N, C-alpha and C. Protein backbone atom coordinates (compact mmCIF):
# COMPACT_ATOMS: atom_id res chain seq x y z
N MET A 1 98.72 68.73 165.16
CA MET A 1 99.09 68.88 166.55
C MET A 1 97.89 69.33 167.39
N LEU A 2 97.17 70.34 166.90
CA LEU A 2 96.02 70.87 167.61
C LEU A 2 94.89 69.84 167.65
N SER A 3 94.70 69.09 166.55
CA SER A 3 93.63 68.09 166.51
C SER A 3 93.91 66.95 167.49
N GLU A 4 95.19 66.59 167.67
CA GLU A 4 95.53 65.56 168.65
C GLU A 4 95.22 66.02 170.06
N GLU A 5 95.47 67.30 170.32
CA GLU A 5 95.20 67.86 171.64
C GLU A 5 93.70 67.86 171.93
N ILE A 6 92.90 68.18 170.91
CA ILE A 6 91.44 68.18 171.07
C ILE A 6 90.95 66.76 171.32
N LYS A 7 91.51 65.78 170.59
CA LYS A 7 91.11 64.39 170.80
C LYS A 7 91.45 63.93 172.22
N GLU A 8 92.60 64.33 172.73
CA GLU A 8 93.00 63.97 174.09
C GLU A 8 92.03 64.58 175.11
N ASN A 9 91.65 65.85 174.90
CA ASN A 9 90.70 66.51 175.80
C ASN A 9 89.35 65.82 175.76
N GLU A 10 88.91 65.39 174.56
CA GLU A 10 87.63 64.68 174.44
C GLU A 10 87.69 63.34 175.16
N LYS A 11 88.81 62.63 175.06
CA LYS A 11 88.97 61.36 175.76
C LYS A 11 88.87 61.56 177.27
N ILE A 12 89.50 62.62 177.77
CA ILE A 12 89.46 62.90 179.20
C ILE A 12 88.03 63.20 179.63
N LYS A 13 87.30 64.00 178.83
CA LYS A 13 85.92 64.34 179.18
C LYS A 13 85.04 63.10 179.17
N ILE A 14 85.24 62.21 178.21
CA ILE A 14 84.45 60.98 178.15
C ILE A 14 84.75 60.10 179.36
N GLN A 15 86.02 60.04 179.75
CA GLN A 15 86.40 59.21 180.88
C GLN A 15 85.86 59.79 182.20
N GLU A 16 85.67 61.11 182.29
CA GLU A 16 85.18 61.73 183.51
C GLU A 16 83.70 61.47 183.73
N ARG A 17 83.02 60.99 182.72
CA ARG A 17 81.59 60.73 182.83
C ARG A 17 81.39 59.40 183.53
N PHE A 18 80.86 59.43 184.72
CA PHE A 18 80.70 58.20 185.49
C PHE A 18 79.25 57.78 185.67
N ILE A 19 78.32 58.59 185.18
CA ILE A 19 76.91 58.25 185.32
C ILE A 19 76.18 58.72 184.06
N ASN A 20 75.20 57.93 183.63
CA ASN A 20 74.33 58.31 182.53
C ASN A 20 73.08 58.94 183.16
N PRO A 21 72.98 60.27 183.18
CA PRO A 21 71.89 60.91 183.91
C PRO A 21 70.49 60.48 183.47
N LEU A 22 70.24 60.45 182.18
CA LEU A 22 68.90 60.10 181.70
C LEU A 22 68.54 58.66 182.05
N GLY A 23 69.47 57.75 181.83
CA GLY A 23 69.24 56.34 182.16
C GLY A 23 69.01 56.14 183.65
N THR A 24 69.75 56.88 184.46
CA THR A 24 69.60 56.75 185.91
C THR A 24 68.25 57.31 186.37
N ILE A 25 67.82 58.41 185.77
CA ILE A 25 66.51 58.98 186.13
C ILE A 25 65.39 58.03 185.72
N ILE A 26 65.46 57.49 184.51
CA ILE A 26 64.42 56.57 184.05
C ILE A 26 64.41 55.30 184.91
N GLY A 27 65.59 54.74 185.15
CA GLY A 27 65.68 53.54 185.99
C GLY A 27 65.16 53.79 187.40
N GLY A 28 65.52 54.94 187.97
CA GLY A 28 65.05 55.28 189.31
C GLY A 28 63.54 55.44 189.36
N THR A 29 62.97 56.03 188.30
CA THR A 29 61.51 56.20 188.25
C THR A 29 60.81 54.84 188.19
N VAL A 30 61.34 53.92 187.40
CA VAL A 30 60.76 52.58 187.32
C VAL A 30 60.85 51.89 188.69
N ILE A 31 61.97 52.05 189.36
CA ILE A 31 62.15 51.44 190.67
C ILE A 31 61.17 52.04 191.68
N ILE A 32 60.96 53.35 191.61
CA ILE A 32 59.98 53.98 192.50
C ILE A 32 58.58 53.41 192.25
N MET A 33 58.22 53.25 190.98
CA MET A 33 56.89 52.71 190.67
C MET A 33 56.75 51.27 191.19
N LEU A 34 57.81 50.46 191.08
CA LEU A 34 57.78 49.11 191.62
C LEU A 34 57.59 49.14 193.13
N GLY A 35 58.32 50.03 193.79
CA GLY A 35 58.19 50.15 195.24
C GLY A 35 56.79 50.57 195.66
N LEU A 36 56.21 51.54 194.94
CA LEU A 36 54.85 51.96 195.25
C LEU A 36 53.85 50.84 195.01
N PHE A 37 54.07 50.07 193.95
CA PHE A 37 53.20 48.92 193.68
C PHE A 37 53.23 47.95 194.86
N LEU A 38 54.43 47.65 195.35
CA LEU A 38 54.54 46.73 196.48
C LEU A 38 53.93 47.31 197.75
N MET A 39 54.07 48.62 197.93
CA MET A 39 53.52 49.26 199.13
C MET A 39 51.99 49.20 199.16
N TYR A 40 51.39 49.33 197.98
CA TYR A 40 49.93 49.43 197.93
C TYR A 40 49.27 48.16 197.40
N THR A 41 50.01 47.08 197.29
CA THR A 41 49.44 45.81 196.84
C THR A 41 48.39 45.31 197.82
N ASN A 42 48.59 45.57 199.09
CA ASN A 42 47.65 45.04 200.09
C ASN A 42 46.28 45.71 200.02
N LEU A 43 46.11 46.74 199.20
CA LEU A 43 44.81 47.37 199.05
C LEU A 43 43.91 46.61 198.08
N SER A 44 44.49 45.68 197.34
CA SER A 44 43.72 44.89 196.39
C SER A 44 42.80 43.92 197.13
N PRO A 45 41.57 43.75 196.67
CA PRO A 45 40.66 42.81 197.35
C PRO A 45 41.11 41.35 197.22
N TYR A 46 41.98 41.05 196.26
CA TYR A 46 42.45 39.68 196.07
C TYR A 46 43.56 39.31 197.04
N ILE A 47 44.17 40.29 197.64
CA ILE A 47 45.32 40.05 198.50
C ILE A 47 44.92 39.91 199.97
N LEU A 48 43.71 40.21 200.31
CA LEU A 48 43.29 40.22 201.71
C LEU A 48 43.37 38.86 202.38
N THR A 49 43.48 37.80 201.63
CA THR A 49 43.53 36.47 202.24
C THR A 49 44.94 36.10 202.73
N HIS A 50 45.94 36.94 202.45
CA HIS A 50 47.30 36.63 202.86
C HIS A 50 47.51 36.89 204.34
N ASP A 51 48.55 36.31 204.83
CA ASP A 51 48.98 36.51 206.20
C ASP A 51 49.38 37.97 206.41
N GLN A 52 49.00 38.54 207.54
CA GLN A 52 49.28 39.95 207.82
C GLN A 52 50.77 40.22 207.92
N VAL A 53 51.55 39.26 208.41
CA VAL A 53 53.00 39.42 208.49
C VAL A 53 53.58 39.63 207.10
N PHE A 54 53.16 38.82 206.15
CA PHE A 54 53.67 38.94 204.78
C PHE A 54 53.29 40.29 204.17
N LEU A 55 52.07 40.74 204.39
CA LEU A 55 51.64 42.02 203.83
C LEU A 55 52.42 43.19 204.42
N THR A 56 52.71 43.12 205.71
CA THR A 56 53.50 44.17 206.35
C THR A 56 54.92 44.18 205.80
N VAL A 57 55.51 43.00 205.67
CA VAL A 57 56.87 42.91 205.11
C VAL A 57 56.88 43.42 203.68
N LEU A 58 55.87 43.08 202.91
CA LEU A 58 55.77 43.53 201.52
C LEU A 58 55.70 45.05 201.45
N LYS A 59 54.94 45.65 202.36
CA LYS A 59 54.81 47.11 202.40
C LYS A 59 56.16 47.77 202.67
N TYR A 60 56.90 47.23 203.64
CA TYR A 60 58.20 47.81 203.97
C TYR A 60 59.24 47.57 202.88
N PHE A 61 59.17 46.41 202.22
CA PHE A 61 60.05 46.19 201.07
C PHE A 61 59.77 47.23 199.99
N GLY A 62 58.49 47.52 199.77
CA GLY A 62 58.12 48.56 198.80
C GLY A 62 58.70 49.91 199.17
N LEU A 63 58.66 50.24 200.46
CA LEU A 63 59.22 51.51 200.92
C LEU A 63 60.72 51.56 200.67
N ILE A 64 61.42 50.48 200.99
CA ILE A 64 62.87 50.43 200.79
C ILE A 64 63.21 50.57 199.31
N ILE A 65 62.48 49.86 198.47
CA ILE A 65 62.74 49.92 197.02
C ILE A 65 62.45 51.32 196.48
N ALA A 66 61.36 51.95 196.94
CA ALA A 66 61.03 53.30 196.49
C ALA A 66 62.10 54.30 196.92
N LEU A 67 62.62 54.15 198.13
CA LEU A 67 63.69 55.04 198.59
C LEU A 67 64.94 54.89 197.73
N GLN A 68 65.28 53.66 197.39
CA GLN A 68 66.45 53.44 196.54
C GLN A 68 66.23 54.05 195.16
N GLY A 69 65.03 53.94 194.62
CA GLY A 69 64.72 54.57 193.35
C GLY A 69 64.81 56.08 193.43
N GLY A 70 64.36 56.64 194.54
CA GLY A 70 64.46 58.08 194.74
C GLY A 70 65.91 58.55 194.76
N ILE A 71 66.77 57.76 195.40
CA ILE A 71 68.20 58.10 195.41
C ILE A 71 68.76 58.06 194.00
N ASP A 72 68.35 57.07 193.20
CA ASP A 72 68.83 57.01 191.81
C ASP A 72 68.35 58.22 191.01
N VAL A 73 67.11 58.64 191.22
CA VAL A 73 66.60 59.82 190.50
C VAL A 73 67.42 61.06 190.89
N ILE A 74 67.71 61.21 192.18
CA ILE A 74 68.52 62.36 192.63
C ILE A 74 69.90 62.31 191.98
N ARG A 75 70.50 61.13 191.94
CA ARG A 75 71.83 61.00 191.32
C ARG A 75 71.77 61.35 189.83
N GLY A 76 70.67 60.96 189.16
CA GLY A 76 70.52 61.30 187.75
C GLY A 76 70.36 62.79 187.54
N ILE A 77 69.63 63.45 188.43
CA ILE A 77 69.43 64.89 188.32
C ILE A 77 70.75 65.63 188.53
N ILE A 78 71.55 65.17 189.47
CA ILE A 78 72.86 65.80 189.72
C ILE A 78 73.77 65.63 188.51
N GLY A 79 73.65 64.52 187.81
CA GLY A 79 74.49 64.28 186.64
C GLY A 79 75.90 63.92 187.05
N ASN A 80 76.84 64.41 186.31
CA ASN A 80 78.24 64.09 186.56
C ASN A 80 78.94 65.15 187.40
N ASN A 81 78.17 65.83 188.22
CA ASN A 81 78.71 66.87 189.10
C ASN A 81 78.66 66.37 190.54
N LEU A 82 79.27 67.11 191.43
CA LEU A 82 79.21 66.85 192.87
C LEU A 82 79.53 65.40 193.22
N VAL A 83 80.73 65.01 192.93
CA VAL A 83 81.15 63.62 193.13
C VAL A 83 81.00 63.20 194.60
N SER A 84 81.34 64.09 195.52
CA SER A 84 81.22 63.76 196.95
C SER A 84 79.78 63.46 197.33
N PHE A 85 78.83 64.18 196.75
CA PHE A 85 77.42 63.93 197.03
C PHE A 85 76.99 62.59 196.44
N HIS A 86 77.51 62.25 195.26
CA HIS A 86 77.24 60.93 194.69
C HIS A 86 77.74 59.84 195.62
N GLN A 87 78.94 60.03 196.17
CA GLN A 87 79.49 59.04 197.09
C GLN A 87 78.60 58.90 198.32
N PHE A 88 78.17 60.02 198.85
CA PHE A 88 77.29 60.01 200.02
C PHE A 88 76.00 59.24 199.71
N LEU A 89 75.41 59.52 198.55
CA LEU A 89 74.16 58.86 198.17
C LEU A 89 74.35 57.35 197.97
N LYS A 90 75.49 56.95 197.40
CA LYS A 90 75.75 55.51 197.22
C LYS A 90 75.87 54.81 198.57
N VAL A 91 76.52 55.45 199.53
CA VAL A 91 76.65 54.86 200.87
C VAL A 91 75.27 54.77 201.52
N ILE A 92 74.47 55.82 201.40
CA ILE A 92 73.11 55.81 201.96
C ILE A 92 72.29 54.70 201.31
N LYS A 93 72.44 54.53 200.00
CA LYS A 93 71.71 53.46 199.30
C LYS A 93 72.12 52.09 199.83
N GLY A 94 73.40 51.91 200.11
CA GLY A 94 73.88 50.66 200.69
C GLY A 94 73.30 50.42 202.08
N ILE A 95 73.22 51.47 202.88
CA ILE A 95 72.65 51.34 204.23
C ILE A 95 71.16 51.00 204.14
N ILE A 96 70.45 51.64 203.21
CA ILE A 96 69.03 51.34 203.02
C ILE A 96 68.86 49.88 202.60
N SER A 97 69.76 49.39 201.73
CA SER A 97 69.71 47.98 201.33
C SER A 97 69.86 47.06 202.54
N LEU A 98 70.77 47.40 203.41
CA LEU A 98 70.99 46.57 204.60
C LEU A 98 69.77 46.55 205.52
N SER A 99 68.96 47.59 205.47
CA SER A 99 67.77 47.61 206.33
C SER A 99 66.76 46.54 205.93
N SER A 100 66.85 46.04 204.71
CA SER A 100 65.92 44.98 204.30
C SER A 100 66.27 43.63 204.91
N ILE A 101 67.45 43.51 205.50
CA ILE A 101 67.82 42.24 206.13
C ILE A 101 66.86 41.91 207.27
N GLY A 102 66.45 42.92 208.02
CA GLY A 102 65.51 42.68 209.11
C GLY A 102 64.20 42.09 208.60
N LEU A 103 63.74 42.56 207.45
CA LEU A 103 62.51 42.03 206.87
C LEU A 103 62.69 40.59 206.42
N LEU A 104 63.85 40.29 205.87
CA LEU A 104 64.12 38.92 205.44
C LEU A 104 64.22 37.98 206.65
N VAL A 105 64.73 38.49 207.76
CA VAL A 105 64.79 37.68 208.99
C VAL A 105 63.38 37.40 209.50
N ILE A 106 62.49 38.40 209.39
CA ILE A 106 61.09 38.17 209.79
C ILE A 106 60.48 37.06 208.94
N LEU A 107 60.73 37.10 207.63
CA LEU A 107 60.21 36.04 206.77
C LEU A 107 60.87 34.70 207.08
N TYR A 108 62.15 34.73 207.42
CA TYR A 108 62.87 33.50 207.79
C TYR A 108 62.20 32.86 209.01
N ASN A 109 61.82 33.69 209.96
CA ASN A 109 61.19 33.16 211.18
C ASN A 109 59.72 32.79 210.96
N ASN A 110 59.11 33.28 209.89
CA ASN A 110 57.70 32.97 209.57
C ASN A 110 57.58 32.50 208.13
N PRO A 111 58.24 31.41 207.74
CA PRO A 111 58.21 31.02 206.33
C PRO A 111 56.82 30.60 205.85
N SER A 112 55.96 30.22 206.79
CA SER A 112 54.61 29.81 206.38
C SER A 112 53.75 31.00 205.97
N SER A 113 54.22 32.22 206.24
CA SER A 113 53.43 33.40 205.85
C SER A 113 53.61 33.74 204.36
N ILE A 114 54.58 33.14 203.70
CA ILE A 114 54.82 33.41 202.28
C ILE A 114 53.77 32.66 201.46
N PRO A 115 53.00 33.38 200.65
CA PRO A 115 51.92 32.71 199.91
C PRO A 115 52.42 32.00 198.65
N PHE A 116 51.74 30.93 198.32
CA PHE A 116 51.99 30.21 197.07
C PHE A 116 50.64 29.99 196.39
N TYR A 117 50.67 30.07 195.07
CA TYR A 117 49.43 29.93 194.31
C TYR A 117 49.51 28.72 193.39
N ASN A 118 48.34 28.17 193.10
CA ASN A 118 48.22 27.10 192.13
C ASN A 118 47.13 27.50 191.14
N HIS A 119 47.35 27.23 189.88
CA HIS A 119 46.36 27.57 188.86
C HIS A 119 45.33 26.44 188.75
N ASP A 120 44.07 26.79 188.96
CA ASP A 120 42.98 25.84 188.82
C ASP A 120 42.47 25.92 187.39
N GLU A 121 42.66 24.84 186.64
CA GLU A 121 42.30 24.84 185.22
C GLU A 121 40.79 24.88 185.00
N LEU A 122 40.03 24.31 185.92
CA LEU A 122 38.58 24.29 185.76
C LEU A 122 37.97 25.69 185.88
N SER A 123 38.36 26.40 186.90
CA SER A 123 37.79 27.74 187.10
C SER A 123 38.67 28.85 186.53
N ASN A 124 39.86 28.48 186.04
CA ASN A 124 40.83 29.42 185.46
C ASN A 124 41.16 30.55 186.44
N THR A 125 41.38 30.16 187.70
CA THR A 125 41.75 31.13 188.73
C THR A 125 42.98 30.63 189.48
N LEU A 126 43.56 31.55 190.23
CA LEU A 126 44.67 31.19 191.10
C LEU A 126 44.12 30.89 192.49
N ILE A 127 44.58 29.82 193.07
CA ILE A 127 44.12 29.40 194.39
C ILE A 127 45.31 29.44 195.34
N LEU A 128 45.11 30.06 196.50
CA LEU A 128 46.14 30.12 197.52
C LEU A 128 46.29 28.73 198.14
N ILE A 129 47.51 28.19 198.13
CA ILE A 129 47.76 26.85 198.66
C ILE A 129 48.84 26.90 199.72
N GLN A 130 49.00 25.82 200.43
CA GLN A 130 50.11 25.68 201.35
C GLN A 130 51.41 25.57 200.55
N SER A 131 52.51 25.85 201.19
CA SER A 131 53.80 25.81 200.52
C SER A 131 54.08 24.41 199.95
N PRO A 132 54.43 24.34 198.66
CA PRO A 132 54.77 23.04 198.08
C PRO A 132 56.18 22.57 198.47
N PHE A 133 56.91 23.42 199.17
CA PHE A 133 58.28 23.10 199.56
C PHE A 133 58.35 22.88 201.06
N GLU A 134 59.38 22.19 201.48
CA GLU A 134 59.64 22.09 202.91
C GLU A 134 60.13 23.45 203.39
N MET A 135 59.84 23.77 204.62
CA MET A 135 60.19 25.08 205.17
C MET A 135 61.70 25.33 205.13
N LYS A 136 62.49 24.27 205.24
CA LYS A 136 63.95 24.47 205.24
C LYS A 136 64.43 25.01 203.89
N TRP A 137 63.75 24.68 202.80
CA TRP A 137 64.16 25.19 201.49
C TRP A 137 63.80 26.66 201.34
N ILE A 138 62.66 27.03 201.89
CA ILE A 138 62.28 28.45 201.87
C ILE A 138 63.26 29.25 202.71
N GLN A 139 63.61 28.70 203.87
CA GLN A 139 64.56 29.40 204.73
C GLN A 139 65.94 29.48 204.09
N LEU A 140 66.35 28.45 203.38
CA LEU A 140 67.63 28.50 202.66
C LEU A 140 67.61 29.59 201.60
N ALA A 141 66.50 29.70 200.87
CA ALA A 141 66.37 30.76 199.86
C ALA A 141 66.45 32.14 200.51
N LEU A 142 65.87 32.28 201.70
CA LEU A 142 65.93 33.58 202.39
C LEU A 142 67.35 33.89 202.87
N VAL A 143 68.09 32.87 203.31
CA VAL A 143 69.49 33.08 203.71
C VAL A 143 70.30 33.52 202.49
N ILE A 144 70.05 32.92 201.34
CA ILE A 144 70.75 33.33 200.11
C ILE A 144 70.40 34.77 199.76
N LEU A 145 69.12 35.15 199.92
CA LEU A 145 68.72 36.54 199.66
C LEU A 145 69.41 37.50 200.62
N ILE A 146 69.56 37.11 201.87
CA ILE A 146 70.26 37.96 202.84
C ILE A 146 71.71 38.16 202.40
N ALA A 147 72.35 37.08 201.96
CA ALA A 147 73.74 37.18 201.48
C ALA A 147 73.81 38.10 200.25
N LEU A 148 72.85 38.00 199.35
CA LEU A 148 72.84 38.86 198.17
C LEU A 148 72.62 40.32 198.53
N VAL A 149 71.79 40.58 199.53
CA VAL A 149 71.57 41.96 199.98
C VAL A 149 72.86 42.52 200.55
N ILE A 150 73.56 41.72 201.34
CA ILE A 150 74.83 42.18 201.92
C ILE A 150 75.84 42.46 200.80
N LEU A 151 75.93 41.58 199.82
CA LEU A 151 76.85 41.80 198.70
C LEU A 151 76.47 43.05 197.91
N GLY A 152 75.17 43.26 197.71
CA GLY A 152 74.72 44.45 197.00
C GLY A 152 75.07 45.73 197.74
N ALA A 153 74.90 45.72 199.06
CA ALA A 153 75.24 46.89 199.86
C ALA A 153 76.75 47.15 199.83
N LEU A 154 77.53 46.09 199.94
CA LEU A 154 78.99 46.23 199.86
C LEU A 154 79.41 46.76 198.49
N SER A 155 78.71 46.32 197.45
CA SER A 155 79.00 46.80 196.10
C SER A 155 78.73 48.30 195.98
N ASP A 156 77.62 48.76 196.57
CA ASP A 156 77.32 50.20 196.54
C ASP A 156 78.40 51.00 197.25
N ILE A 157 78.84 50.50 198.40
CA ILE A 157 79.88 51.20 199.16
C ILE A 157 81.20 51.18 198.40
N TYR A 158 81.52 50.06 197.78
CA TYR A 158 82.74 49.97 196.96
C TYR A 158 82.69 50.95 195.80
N LYS A 159 81.53 51.02 195.13
CA LYS A 159 81.38 51.96 194.01
C LYS A 159 81.50 53.40 194.46
N ALA A 160 81.06 53.68 195.68
CA ALA A 160 81.22 55.03 196.23
C ALA A 160 82.70 55.36 196.38
N GLY A 161 83.47 54.37 196.81
CA GLY A 161 84.92 54.58 196.95
C GLY A 161 85.59 54.76 195.58
N LYS A 162 85.10 54.04 194.56
CA LYS A 162 85.69 54.16 193.24
C LYS A 162 85.46 55.55 192.63
N LEU A 163 84.42 56.24 193.08
CA LEU A 163 84.15 57.57 192.56
C LEU A 163 85.19 58.59 193.00
N GLU A 164 86.03 58.20 193.93
CA GLU A 164 87.06 59.11 194.44
C GLU A 164 87.98 59.62 193.33
N LYS A 165 88.20 58.80 192.31
CA LYS A 165 89.11 59.20 191.24
C LYS A 165 88.54 60.30 190.35
N TYR A 166 87.23 60.58 190.47
CA TYR A 166 86.61 61.63 189.66
C TYR A 166 86.59 62.99 190.36
N LYS A 167 87.15 63.05 191.55
CA LYS A 167 87.20 64.33 192.28
C LYS A 167 88.24 65.24 191.69
């Protein structure tokens, strides 16, 4: 009888765990490093030939990604406590995701600023070339990315609502 009660309590405790703190901290740290890489990519001497619009958009994408990683690290540090704060952070993460739509619209309006490379077999280097695609295909890909960003933000907000059961 007592062992069944202990098993029930263990099941409840396992079910109350809604976040893996260590995995979230590690994942958030990797995301921060990716964001910093994107922010400081324009300092490379190989990147100076790109369009300034693209470099600016890349820098801001890096900032957005680093902020999202920072939120994940904070959530990992909190662990499975403070459910309301987790909900708040998930909503903030969704809002930050939505801020990238403006950057995608800038790229949509300037699709020629997106660089494409071709590998030159003779010199074994990458050469910056004009887009091998028609601009409408690049713009279609950007519209799909905008839709995915919106779905991702809605998913974060939905997950924040699902955390209500852990209060």
